[in-house]
Amino acid sequence: MAKVKMGRWEYTEREIEEMFDEATVRGRLASKVEPQAKSAHYDRATNRVVVDLRNGATFIFPCKLTQGLSSAAVDDLALVELGPRGASLHWEKLDVDFSIVGLMSGAFGNKSWMAKLERKGGGGKRKPLASGARRAQSVQDLKQAPNRKRAKHLHQDKAQERT
């Protein structure tokens, strides 16, 4: 079987088909569990980006805290685009990309940017989750977690909310 060269690597057609199938499964799972943007725009009055999610919620974040956006021109900030599946935001002219999941978890830049925010008192350090709350660290965690275990954690979280 012929091999196809991709960069430094060579793959058989069968290997490429298997990788494509695996990526398709991961993409379908991600689209079910990860927040996805329906639209995004820059609000000049507040210097914030407003992201409307497909589930009907809205997420807003300040440009001043965001690496690559904090000192950008207003006209450049207004050119925000959605990435594939609505999973990310992209500013072509600024060469800046952020995942929706990352932004929603408070990751407004790389480690050194976040450390700088923390030193300035800009909220660079993320607050820990409330006791009993559970956050999936990856799509793989969701695939491997037994349904019974997930249901138990959901039940515990709801019980804590009531008290």
N, C-alpha and C. Protein backbone atom coordinates (compact mmCIF):
# COMPACT_ATOMS: atom_id res chain seq x y z
N MET A 1 0.85 -1.16 0.00
CA MET A 1 0.00 0.00 0.00
C MET A 1 0.90 1.24 0.00
N ALA A 2 0.55 2.23 -0.79
CA ALA A 2 1.34 3.45 -0.91
C ALA A 2 1.26 4.28 0.36
N LYS A 3 2.37 4.97 0.61
CA LYS A 3 2.40 5.85 1.78
C LYS A 3 2.27 7.30 1.32
N VAL A 4 1.64 8.08 2.19
CA VAL A 4 1.46 9.51 1.93
C VAL A 4 2.34 10.26 2.93
N LYS A 5 3.13 11.21 2.43
CA LYS A 5 4.01 11.97 3.30
C LYS A 5 3.29 13.25 3.75
N MET A 6 3.28 13.46 5.07
CA MET A 6 2.71 14.68 5.66
C MET A 6 3.76 15.26 6.58
N GLY A 7 4.41 16.32 6.14
CA GLY A 7 5.50 16.88 6.93
C GLY A 7 6.61 15.87 7.05
N ARG A 8 7.00 15.57 8.29
CA ARG A 8 8.07 14.60 8.52
C ARG A 8 7.56 13.17 8.57
N TRP A 9 6.25 12.99 8.56
CA TRP A 9 5.68 11.67 8.78
C TRP A 9 5.13 11.08 7.49
N GLU A 10 5.09 9.76 7.49
CA GLU A 10 4.50 9.03 6.37
C GLU A 10 3.42 8.10 6.93
N TYR A 11 2.29 8.08 6.23
CA TYR A 11 1.17 7.26 6.66
C TYR A 11 0.64 6.46 5.48
N THR A 12 0.09 5.28 5.80
CA THR A 12 -0.62 4.53 4.77
C THR A 12 -2.02 5.12 4.66
N GLU A 13 -2.68 4.81 3.56
CA GLU A 13 -4.04 5.30 3.40
C GLU A 13 -4.94 4.77 4.50
N ARG A 14 -4.71 3.55 4.91
CA ARG A 14 -5.50 2.96 5.99
C ARG A 14 -5.30 3.73 7.30
N GLU A 15 -4.05 4.10 7.62
CA GLU A 15 -3.77 4.86 8.84
C GLU A 15 -4.46 6.22 8.79
N ILE A 16 -4.46 6.85 7.64
CA ILE A 16 -5.12 8.15 7.48
C ILE A 16 -6.63 8.00 7.69
N GLU A 17 -7.21 6.95 7.13
CA GLU A 17 -8.64 6.72 7.31
C GLU A 17 -8.98 6.47 8.78
N GLU A 18 -8.13 5.71 9.48
CA GLU A 18 -8.36 5.45 10.91
C GLU A 18 -8.26 6.74 11.72
N MET A 19 -7.26 7.58 11.43
CA MET A 19 -7.11 8.85 12.14
C MET A 19 -8.31 9.75 11.86
N PHE A 20 -8.79 9.74 10.63
CA PHE A 20 -9.96 10.55 10.28
C PHE A 20 -11.18 10.09 11.05
N ASP A 21 -11.39 8.77 11.10
CA ASP A 21 -12.53 8.22 11.84
C ASP A 21 -12.46 8.57 13.33
N GLU A 22 -11.26 8.46 13.93
CA GLU A 22 -11.09 8.81 15.34
C GLU A 22 -11.36 10.29 15.57
N ALA A 23 -10.87 11.14 14.68
CA ALA A 23 -11.09 12.59 14.81
C ALA A 23 -12.57 12.92 14.68
N THR A 24 -13.27 12.21 13.81
CA THR A 24 -14.70 12.44 13.62
C THR A 24 -15.46 12.10 14.91
N VAL A 25 -15.11 10.99 15.53
CA VAL A 25 -15.76 10.59 16.79
C VAL A 25 -15.47 11.62 17.87
N ARG A 26 -14.21 12.05 17.99
CA ARG A 26 -13.86 13.06 19.00
C ARG A 26 -14.60 14.37 18.74
N GLY A 27 -14.71 14.76 17.47
CA GLY A 27 -15.43 15.99 17.12
C GLY A 27 -16.90 15.91 17.48
N ARG A 28 -17.53 14.77 17.21
CA ARG A 28 -18.95 14.61 17.55
C ARG A 28 -19.16 14.67 19.06
N LEU A 29 -18.27 14.03 19.80
CA LEU A 29 -18.38 14.04 21.26
C LEU A 29 -18.15 15.46 21.78
N ALA A 30 -17.16 16.14 21.27
CA ALA A 30 -16.87 17.51 21.71
C ALA A 30 -18.06 18.43 21.44
N SER A 31 -18.72 18.23 20.30
CA SER A 31 -19.85 19.10 19.97
C SER A 31 -21.03 18.88 20.92
N LYS A 32 -21.06 17.75 21.60
CA LYS A 32 -22.13 17.48 22.55
C LYS A 32 -21.83 18.00 23.95
N VAL A 33 -20.55 18.09 24.32
CA VAL A 33 -20.21 18.42 25.70
C VAL A 33 -19.54 19.78 25.88
N GLU A 34 -18.96 20.35 24.83
CA GLU A 34 -18.26 21.61 24.95
C GLU A 34 -19.15 22.77 24.52
N PRO A 35 -19.01 23.93 25.19
CA PRO A 35 -19.78 25.09 24.75
C PRO A 35 -19.35 25.53 23.36
N GLN A 36 -20.32 25.96 22.56
CA GLN A 36 -20.04 26.39 21.20
C GLN A 36 -20.67 27.76 20.96
N ALA A 37 -19.91 28.63 20.32
CA ALA A 37 -20.40 29.97 20.02
C ALA A 37 -21.31 29.95 18.81
N LYS A 38 -22.38 30.71 18.90
CA LYS A 38 -23.28 30.93 17.77
C LYS A 38 -22.87 32.23 17.06
N SER A 39 -22.43 33.21 17.86
CA SER A 39 -21.97 34.49 17.32
C SER A 39 -21.07 35.16 18.35
N ALA A 40 -20.30 36.13 17.87
CA ALA A 40 -19.44 36.91 18.75
C ALA A 40 -19.27 38.30 18.15
N HIS A 41 -19.20 39.29 19.04
CA HIS A 41 -18.93 40.65 18.57
C HIS A 41 -18.22 41.45 19.66
N TYR A 42 -17.54 42.49 19.23
CA TYR A 42 -16.84 43.38 20.14
C TYR A 42 -17.76 44.52 20.52
N ASP A 43 -17.88 44.78 21.81
CA ASP A 43 -18.70 45.88 22.32
C ASP A 43 -17.77 47.06 22.64
N ARG A 44 -17.77 48.06 21.78
CA ARG A 44 -16.88 49.21 21.92
C ARG A 44 -17.14 49.99 23.21
N ALA A 45 -18.38 50.08 23.63
CA ALA A 45 -18.74 50.87 24.81
C ALA A 45 -18.12 50.31 26.09
N THR A 46 -17.98 49.00 26.17
CA THR A 46 -17.45 48.38 27.40
C THR A 46 -16.07 47.76 27.21
N ASN A 47 -15.55 47.75 25.99
CA ASN A 47 -14.26 47.12 25.65
C ASN A 47 -14.26 45.64 26.04
N ARG A 48 -15.37 44.97 25.70
CA ARG A 48 -15.51 43.54 25.99
C ARG A 48 -15.98 42.80 24.75
N VAL A 49 -15.70 41.51 24.72
CA VAL A 49 -16.20 40.64 23.66
C VAL A 49 -17.41 39.89 24.20
N VAL A 50 -18.47 39.90 23.42
CA VAL A 50 -19.72 39.24 23.79
C VAL A 50 -19.88 38.00 22.92
N VAL A 51 -20.02 36.85 23.55
CA VAL A 51 -20.15 35.58 22.84
C VAL A 51 -21.51 34.98 23.17
N ASP A 52 -22.35 34.83 22.16
CA ASP A 52 -23.63 34.15 22.33
C ASP A 52 -23.42 32.68 22.02
N LEU A 53 -23.77 31.83 22.98
CA LEU A 53 -23.56 30.39 22.84
C LEU A 53 -24.79 29.73 22.23
N ARG A 54 -24.57 28.56 21.64
CA ARG A 54 -25.66 27.83 21.00
C ARG A 54 -26.72 27.36 21.99
N ASN A 55 -26.36 27.25 23.26
CA ASN A 55 -27.34 26.81 24.26
C ASN A 55 -28.19 27.96 24.78
N GLY A 56 -27.99 29.18 24.25
CA GLY A 56 -28.78 30.32 24.65
C GLY A 56 -28.12 31.22 25.69
N ALA A 57 -27.03 30.76 26.28
CA ALA A 57 -26.31 31.56 27.26
C ALA A 57 -25.41 32.58 26.55
N THR A 58 -24.99 33.58 27.30
CA THR A 58 -24.07 34.59 26.79
C THR A 58 -22.86 34.66 27.70
N PHE A 59 -21.69 34.71 27.11
CA PHE A 59 -20.43 34.82 27.84
C PHE A 59 -19.75 36.12 27.41
N ILE A 60 -19.32 36.91 28.37
CA ILE A 60 -18.69 38.20 28.08
C ILE A 60 -17.34 38.25 28.80
N PHE A 61 -16.30 38.70 28.11
CA PHE A 61 -15.00 38.84 28.76
C PHE A 61 -14.33 40.15 28.36
N PRO A 62 -13.53 40.73 29.26
CA PRO A 62 -12.88 42.01 29.00
C PRO A 62 -11.61 41.85 28.16
N CYS A 63 -11.47 42.70 27.17
CA CYS A 63 -10.27 42.66 26.32
C CYS A 63 -9.03 43.03 27.10
N LYS A 64 -9.16 43.89 28.11
CA LYS A 64 -7.98 44.35 28.86
C LYS A 64 -7.28 43.22 29.60
N LEU A 65 -7.98 42.12 29.86
CA LEU A 65 -7.36 40.98 30.54
C LEU A 65 -6.81 39.93 29.57
N THR A 66 -7.06 40.11 28.29
CA THR A 66 -6.80 39.05 27.33
C THR A 66 -5.53 39.30 26.52
N GLN A 67 -4.62 38.34 26.56
CA GLN A 67 -3.35 38.44 25.85
C GLN A 67 -3.59 38.63 24.36
N GLY A 68 -2.94 39.60 23.78
CA GLY A 68 -3.09 39.87 22.35
C GLY A 68 -4.23 40.81 22.03
N LEU A 69 -5.13 41.02 22.98
CA LEU A 69 -6.26 41.93 22.76
C LEU A 69 -6.14 43.18 23.63
N SER A 70 -5.38 43.11 24.71
CA SER A 70 -5.35 44.19 25.69
C SER A 70 -4.89 45.53 25.11
N SER A 71 -4.00 45.51 24.14
CA SER A 71 -3.51 46.77 23.57
C SER A 71 -3.87 46.92 22.10
N ALA A 72 -4.78 46.11 21.62
CA ALA A 72 -5.15 46.14 20.21
C ALA A 72 -6.06 47.32 19.89
N ALA A 73 -6.03 47.75 18.65
CA ALA A 73 -6.88 48.84 18.18
C ALA A 73 -8.33 48.39 18.17
N VAL A 74 -9.23 49.31 18.46
CA VAL A 74 -10.66 49.03 18.51
C VAL A 74 -11.15 48.42 17.20
N ASP A 75 -10.71 48.96 16.08
CA ASP A 75 -11.14 48.43 14.78
C ASP A 75 -10.69 46.99 14.57
N ASP A 76 -9.52 46.65 15.10
CA ASP A 76 -9.03 45.27 14.98
C ASP A 76 -9.82 44.32 15.88
N LEU A 77 -10.18 44.78 17.07
CA LEU A 77 -10.96 43.95 17.98
C LEU A 77 -12.33 43.61 17.40
N ALA A 78 -12.87 44.53 16.61
CA ALA A 78 -14.20 44.32 16.02
C ALA A 78 -14.20 43.24 14.95
N LEU A 79 -13.03 42.80 14.50
CA LEU A 79 -12.94 41.80 13.43
C LEU A 79 -12.89 40.37 13.97
N VAL A 80 -13.54 40.11 15.08
CA VAL A 80 -13.55 38.77 15.67
C VAL A 80 -14.35 37.82 14.77
N GLU A 81 -13.83 36.60 14.61
CA GLU A 81 -14.47 35.56 13.80
C GLU A 81 -14.62 34.29 14.63
N LEU A 82 -15.59 33.48 14.28
CA LEU A 82 -15.75 32.17 14.92
C LEU A 82 -14.87 31.15 14.23
N GLY A 83 -14.30 30.25 15.02
CA GLY A 83 -13.55 29.14 14.47
C GLY A 83 -14.48 27.99 14.13
N PRO A 84 -13.93 26.88 13.63
CA PRO A 84 -14.75 25.72 13.28
C PRO A 84 -15.61 25.25 14.45
N ARG A 85 -16.84 24.86 14.16
CA ARG A 85 -17.82 24.38 15.15
C ARG A 85 -18.15 25.41 16.20
N GLY A 86 -17.68 26.64 16.07
CA GLY A 86 -17.94 27.64 17.11
C GLY A 86 -17.16 27.36 18.37
N ALA A 87 -16.08 26.59 18.26
CA ALA A 87 -15.30 26.20 19.42
C ALA A 87 -14.22 27.20 19.78
N SER A 88 -14.00 28.21 18.92
CA SER A 88 -12.93 29.16 19.17
C SER A 88 -13.26 30.52 18.57
N LEU A 89 -12.48 31.52 19.00
CA LEU A 89 -12.56 32.87 18.45
C LEU A 89 -11.23 33.17 17.78
N HIS A 90 -11.27 33.94 16.69
CA HIS A 90 -10.06 34.22 15.92
C HIS A 90 -10.05 35.68 15.47
N TRP A 91 -8.90 36.31 15.59
CA TRP A 91 -8.66 37.66 15.08
C TRP A 91 -7.52 37.55 14.06
N GLU A 92 -7.85 37.53 12.80
CA GLU A 92 -6.86 37.32 11.73
C GLU A 92 -5.75 38.37 11.77
N LYS A 93 -6.11 39.64 11.78
CA LYS A 93 -5.12 40.71 11.73
C LYS A 93 -4.20 40.69 12.94
N LEU A 94 -4.72 40.30 14.08
CA LEU A 94 -3.93 40.27 15.31
C LEU A 94 -3.19 38.94 15.50
N ASP A 95 -3.53 37.93 14.70
CA ASP A 95 -2.98 36.59 14.82
C ASP A 95 -3.21 36.05 16.24
N VAL A 96 -4.47 36.16 16.69
CA VAL A 96 -4.85 35.74 18.04
C VAL A 96 -6.00 34.74 17.94
N ASP A 97 -5.89 33.67 18.70
CA ASP A 97 -6.93 32.63 18.77
C ASP A 97 -7.14 32.22 20.22
N PHE A 98 -8.39 32.02 20.59
CA PHE A 98 -8.73 31.51 21.92
C PHE A 98 -9.85 30.49 21.80
N SER A 99 -9.75 29.41 22.58
CA SER A 99 -10.85 28.45 22.62
C SER A 99 -11.93 29.00 23.54
N ILE A 100 -13.17 28.68 23.22
CA ILE A 100 -14.29 29.10 24.07
C ILE A 100 -14.16 28.45 25.44
N VAL A 101 -13.81 27.17 25.47
CA VAL A 101 -13.65 26.46 26.74
C VAL A 101 -12.57 27.13 27.60
N GLY A 102 -11.45 27.48 26.99
CA GLY A 102 -10.37 28.13 27.72
C GLY A 102 -10.79 29.47 28.30
N LEU A 103 -11.42 30.30 27.48
CA LEU A 103 -11.87 31.60 27.96
C LEU A 103 -12.87 31.45 29.10
N MET A 104 -13.80 30.51 28.94
CA MET A 104 -14.82 30.33 29.98
C MET A 104 -14.23 29.79 31.28
N SER A 105 -13.07 29.14 31.19
CA SER A 105 -12.43 28.65 32.42
C SER A 105 -11.46 29.69 32.99
N GLY A 106 -11.38 30.86 32.35
CA GLY A 106 -10.56 31.93 32.88
C GLY A 106 -9.15 31.99 32.34
N ALA A 107 -8.85 31.25 31.28
CA ALA A 107 -7.52 31.27 30.66
C ALA A 107 -7.49 32.36 29.60
N PHE A 108 -6.96 33.53 29.97
CA PHE A 108 -6.94 34.68 29.08
C PHE A 108 -5.58 34.86 28.42
N GLY A 109 -4.72 33.87 28.50
CA GLY A 109 -3.41 33.93 27.88
C GLY A 109 -2.55 32.77 28.34
N ASN A 110 -1.26 32.81 27.98
CA ASN A 110 -0.34 31.73 28.39
C ASN A 110 0.03 31.88 29.86
N LYS A 111 0.86 30.97 30.37
CA LYS A 111 1.19 30.96 31.80
C LYS A 111 1.84 32.26 32.26
N SER A 112 2.76 32.78 31.47
CA SER A 112 3.43 34.02 31.90
C SER A 112 2.45 35.20 31.89
N TRP A 113 1.53 35.22 30.94
CA TRP A 113 0.52 36.29 30.91
C TRP A 113 -0.38 36.20 32.14
N MET A 114 -0.81 35.00 32.46
CA MET A 114 -1.69 34.81 33.61
C MET A 114 -0.95 35.17 34.91
N ALA A 115 0.34 34.83 35.00
CA ALA A 115 1.12 35.18 36.19
C ALA A 115 1.23 36.70 36.31
N LYS A 116 1.42 37.37 35.18
CA LYS A 116 1.49 38.84 35.18
C LYS A 116 0.16 39.44 35.64
N LEU A 117 -0.95 38.87 35.18
CA LEU A 117 -2.27 39.34 35.62
C LEU A 117 -2.43 39.16 37.13
N GLU A 118 -1.97 38.04 37.63
CA GLU A 118 -2.08 37.76 39.07
C GLU A 118 -1.27 38.78 39.87
N ARG A 119 -0.06 39.09 39.40
CA ARG A 119 0.77 40.07 40.11
C ARG A 119 0.12 41.45 40.11
N LYS A 120 -0.55 41.78 39.01
CA LYS A 120 -1.23 43.07 38.91
C LYS A 120 -2.55 43.08 39.67
N GLY A 121 -3.02 41.91 40.07
CA GLY A 121 -4.32 41.83 40.74
C GLY A 121 -5.46 41.80 39.74
N GLY A 122 -5.17 41.33 38.53
CA GLY A 122 -6.17 41.32 37.48
C GLY A 122 -6.94 40.03 37.37
N GLY A 123 -6.91 39.20 38.39
CA GLY A 123 -7.71 37.98 38.37
C GLY A 123 -7.07 36.86 37.59
N GLY A 124 -5.74 36.84 37.51
CA GLY A 124 -5.06 35.82 36.74
C GLY A 124 -5.19 34.43 37.33
N LYS A 125 -5.35 34.34 38.65
CA LYS A 125 -5.45 33.04 39.29
C LYS A 125 -6.91 32.61 39.31
N ARG A 126 -7.16 31.39 38.84
CA ARG A 126 -8.54 30.90 38.81
C ARG A 126 -8.96 30.43 40.18
N LYS A 127 -10.20 30.67 40.52
CA LYS A 127 -10.74 30.21 41.80
C LYS A 127 -11.02 28.72 41.71
N PRO A 128 -10.77 27.98 42.80
CA PRO A 128 -11.06 26.54 42.78
C PRO A 128 -12.56 26.31 42.71
N LEU A 129 -12.93 25.15 42.20
CA LEU A 129 -14.34 24.79 42.13
C LEU A 129 -14.90 24.56 43.54
N ALA A 130 -16.18 24.79 43.69
CA ALA A 130 -16.83 24.56 44.97
C ALA A 130 -16.72 23.10 45.36
N SER A 131 -16.75 22.84 46.65
CA SER A 131 -16.65 21.48 47.15
C SER A 131 -17.74 20.61 46.51
N GLY A 132 -17.34 19.45 46.06
CA GLY A 132 -18.29 18.51 45.48
C GLY A 132 -18.51 18.73 44.00
N ALA A 133 -18.12 19.88 43.47
CA ALA A 133 -18.30 20.12 42.03
C ALA A 133 -17.26 19.31 41.28
N ARG A 134 -17.60 18.96 40.07
CA ARG A 134 -16.70 18.12 39.29
C ARG A 134 -16.59 18.69 37.89
N ARG A 135 -15.37 18.86 37.43
CA ARG A 135 -15.15 19.37 36.08
C ARG A 135 -14.42 18.30 35.28
N ALA A 136 -14.93 17.98 34.12
CA ALA A 136 -14.25 17.02 33.25
C ALA A 136 -12.99 17.67 32.72
N GLN A 137 -11.87 17.02 32.85
CA GLN A 137 -10.61 17.59 32.40
C GLN A 137 -10.42 17.44 30.90
N SER A 138 -11.11 16.52 30.30
CA SER A 138 -11.00 16.36 28.86
C SER A 138 -12.18 15.54 28.37
N VAL A 139 -12.33 15.54 27.08
CA VAL A 139 -13.38 14.73 26.47
C VAL A 139 -13.13 13.26 26.79
N GLN A 140 -11.86 12.87 26.86
CA GLN A 140 -11.52 11.49 27.17
C GLN A 140 -12.04 11.09 28.55
N ASP A 141 -11.97 12.02 29.53
CA ASP A 141 -12.51 11.73 30.86
C ASP A 141 -13.98 11.39 30.77
N LEU A 142 -14.71 12.15 29.95
CA LEU A 142 -16.15 11.91 29.82
C LEU A 142 -16.42 10.55 29.19
N LYS A 143 -15.60 10.18 28.20
CA LYS A 143 -15.81 8.89 27.54
C LYS A 143 -15.56 7.74 28.50
N GLN A 144 -14.58 7.90 29.40
CA GLN A 144 -14.18 6.80 30.27
C GLN A 144 -14.97 6.73 31.57
N ALA A 145 -15.59 7.83 31.97
CA ALA A 145 -16.31 7.84 33.25
C ALA A 145 -17.60 7.03 33.14
N PRO A 146 -17.79 6.07 34.04
CA PRO A 146 -19.04 5.30 34.01
C PRO A 146 -20.24 6.21 34.27
N ASN A 147 -21.36 5.93 33.60
CA ASN A 147 -22.56 6.74 33.75
C ASN A 147 -23.01 6.81 35.21
N ARG A 148 -22.87 5.70 35.92
CA ARG A 148 -23.28 5.64 37.32
C ARG A 148 -22.49 6.65 38.15
N LYS A 149 -21.19 6.76 37.88
CA LYS A 149 -20.34 7.68 38.62
C LYS A 149 -20.74 9.12 38.32
N ARG A 150 -20.99 9.44 37.03
CA ARG A 150 -21.40 10.78 36.65
C ARG A 150 -22.73 11.14 37.30
N ALA A 151 -23.66 10.19 37.31
CA ALA A 151 -24.98 10.44 37.89
C ALA A 151 -24.85 10.70 39.39
N LYS A 152 -23.98 9.99 40.07
CA LYS A 152 -23.77 10.18 41.50
C LYS A 152 -23.26 11.59 41.78
N HIS A 153 -22.29 12.07 40.98
CA HIS A 153 -21.76 13.42 41.18
C HIS A 153 -22.81 14.47 40.89
N LEU A 154 -23.62 14.27 39.87
CA LEU A 154 -24.68 15.23 39.55
C LEU A 154 -25.68 15.30 40.70
N HIS A 155 -26.02 14.12 41.26
CA HIS A 155 -26.95 14.07 42.38
C HIS A 155 -26.37 14.81 43.59
N GLN A 156 -25.09 14.59 43.88
CA GLN A 156 -24.45 15.26 45.01
C GLN A 156 -24.44 16.77 44.80
N ASP A 157 -24.14 17.22 43.59
CA ASP A 157 -24.11 18.65 43.30
C ASP A 157 -25.46 19.27 43.49
N LYS A 158 -26.53 18.61 43.03
CA LYS A 158 -27.88 19.15 43.18
C LYS A 158 -28.28 19.20 44.64
N ALA A 159 -27.89 18.18 45.41
CA ALA A 159 -28.21 18.16 46.84
C ALA A 159 -27.52 19.33 47.55
N GLN A 160 -26.27 19.63 47.17
CA GLN A 160 -25.55 20.73 47.80
C GLN A 160 -26.19 22.08 47.42
N GLU A 161 -26.70 22.20 46.21
CA GLU A 161 -27.33 23.44 45.77
C GLU A 161 -28.57 23.72 46.60
N ARG A 162 -29.29 22.67 47.00
CA ARG A 162 -30.53 22.83 47.78
C ARG A 162 -30.27 23.28 49.21
N THR A 163 -29.06 22.96 49.73
CA THR A 163 -28.77 23.31 51.14
C THR A 163 -28.16 24.67 51.27
